[in-house]
Every structure is written in structure tokens, then in C-alpha cells.
């Protein structure tokens, strides 16, 4: 596909008309003024350790003086979509302005009329194949699925998906979400299927379901939503995690316990996430300013600092904007050479199979 190495201001009708003018004028100064008038941005599903979002959020607040109301940091992509649906017409603090969701959720959200178009000033540097031509959604960053391993407990570190089926990994392996709605977990099932030689799409989903059924029958699968904390506690000593979550988690733990992050030898799947603005955003200008922040050189490098490959990586590299110390902290490029980027069609087909058959085939209810 492609290759990449709570406070509310009460606005009068006149003020609302003014914000419309600001947006249509496409002046950054006017957009900043309109966003500051709104005073708040409501986000959802942005854990501070995910892609360095903690610093991304704090830098936005410091730069523009806009409050950020953070909803449910541990929500999944499906939860974000439901939050928009549940809050149509609600201008209170439970209505998200912006979402950060798995690739397949962007087009489906647009099709349901849940997003509004906006093209950031760096629009032309975002690859065409990972953005909606009308500006309803656009890729932000990507990573590959890896194994995060607590080596205090796991002495023989697994190198590939097939290894996880071995008896020595009893009660050890967990996903970082529920495959019935979490993008990361859905792609993990596909990755396991790819490792068996199945083709990307529905075939990988079916093979992945069989793999997890075998993993569950073997007693190796732990049906909980795993995080760095559960890994450190020993409840889930092996977590299938985005590489950026695993690497940032390793930094957080500071060797207590020691952690190894492994990109598997096969079944390396890359996941692209996308940004979108809710069609019902209570703070549309703050939402647009947030997008400008994320897609600026500064915002892209903050994501890279959190081990995520920003979507403008190639553009930044070409311009010599990436500090060497950030590149040196990433896994070697060779680890990404086998990465598969499923198309939207393949993801949609796989998602349908997994959501329909996970419970009956695998028989594990991830909590």
C-alpha cells in the first residue's frame, strides 16, 4: 500500500456566525481566535502514554490556552464512534469534538454522517492513499504489532506467533483490547492469521480466529484487556501491543520489571490510525486548531518521540526535520520490512468475520 521507514462558553448567534466566517476565511490567526472563544476541546480515548499524547495535549494547552476535556482515555475505536452517536445535539462535556480511530473506522464514520470535513494546512504532505479526498478523515500515525514481554517472569522470550502456543506460556498471553470492537485487538487477530500464511483480509481473520481458539484451548490466553500495569503485575506477562505502546511502557517501567519488545518474525501487521472531527462537535474551531497542532512539524515530532511513525514522516525526513536522537530510539528499520498494510477493503472484510465469529470460534470473553 505504502512504505514509511469542561468549560463551555455561551456563544450568541452573532458569535456563532463569526466563527463560521473564521473557518471559511482559513486564516490561522482567525481560527486561533475562534478556538479561544470556544475555550475548550473535548477529546476521547487518548491515554497519555499512547504516542506521547500526554505531551501532545499539554503542548496544545500551553500554546493556545485552551482547556482540554479528556473523556475515557482507555476507550476503543468503536466506543469513540458510539460517543458521537450518543451525543448528537449535546453541547455538554460528554460530546467529543475529535476522534482518533483505527483506519477502517474513518470511512464508516463518514458514511454514517458522523464527521465533518477539514483540511489542515499541511494537507498536501499527507499521502493521498490514507486520507479522504474531501477531508473527512486523514491518517495520523502508524505502528506494528509487537510482543511486550515481562522477562522477570518469561525467561524464554517468544520470537513469533507460533511460539505463543507452547505450554511454557500458560496463562501468559493477552490482547490490549476486545476483538469485538477494539482496532488494535482486531488487527492482532489478523496478524496471527497472517503468520500462518493466510492472505490479508477475510482469510487472515478466519485463520486468526482458529489461532486464538487454539491459544485459548491450550490455556495460554488470558481474556483481559491488558496494559503495561497488568504486565508489570504479572497478570499478563506477554501482551500483544502496538510497538509504540510497548516501547513507551518499557520506558515508564524503567527496568522494574525488565521488559523486552519483540517484533515477530512473521505476521507483522501495520496499523494506521486516523483523525476526524465530529459532525456534532460542540467546539468545531478548537477541533480544527487541534488538527493543525497535530499535523504541524511540532506535533508530528511529538508523536515520533512516543515511538509512533507520524504520517508525515517521509516529508519531515526529506526536509531534515527529524532529530537523529529520535531515529536512534526506534527499532531497526529491518524489523518493519515485512510489515503488511491491509487495505480498507481487507480490513472491513476481516473486521466483519472477527466481530461475527470471535465469540463462537474462540469462546473467550475479553473483559
Foldseek 3Di string as FASTA:
>chain_A
DDDDLADFDDDDPVLVVQQVVLQVVPDPVSLLVLLVNRQEAEEEQADCLALNVVVLVVVLCVVRVGHYHYYHNNDAQVVLLVQLVVQFVPLGRSHHFKYKHFQLVQVVCVVVVFFDADAAPCNVLFDPQAADPRRQKGWWFKFKKWKKAQCVQVVPDDQALVVLLDLSQAQAEEEQDFLLTHPRVLLVLLLSLVQVVFDFAQNSLVSSLLSLLSSVVSRNYDQANDALVCCLVVSHRIYTDTQLRSLSSQVVCVPSPHIDIHLHPGSIEMIIIMMGTTPRRSSNSNSNVSVNSCPDLNNQQSSLQSVTNTSSNVVCVVVVNHDVVSVVSHPRSVSCPNYDYDRSNRSVRSSVNCNVCNCPRNVGNRD
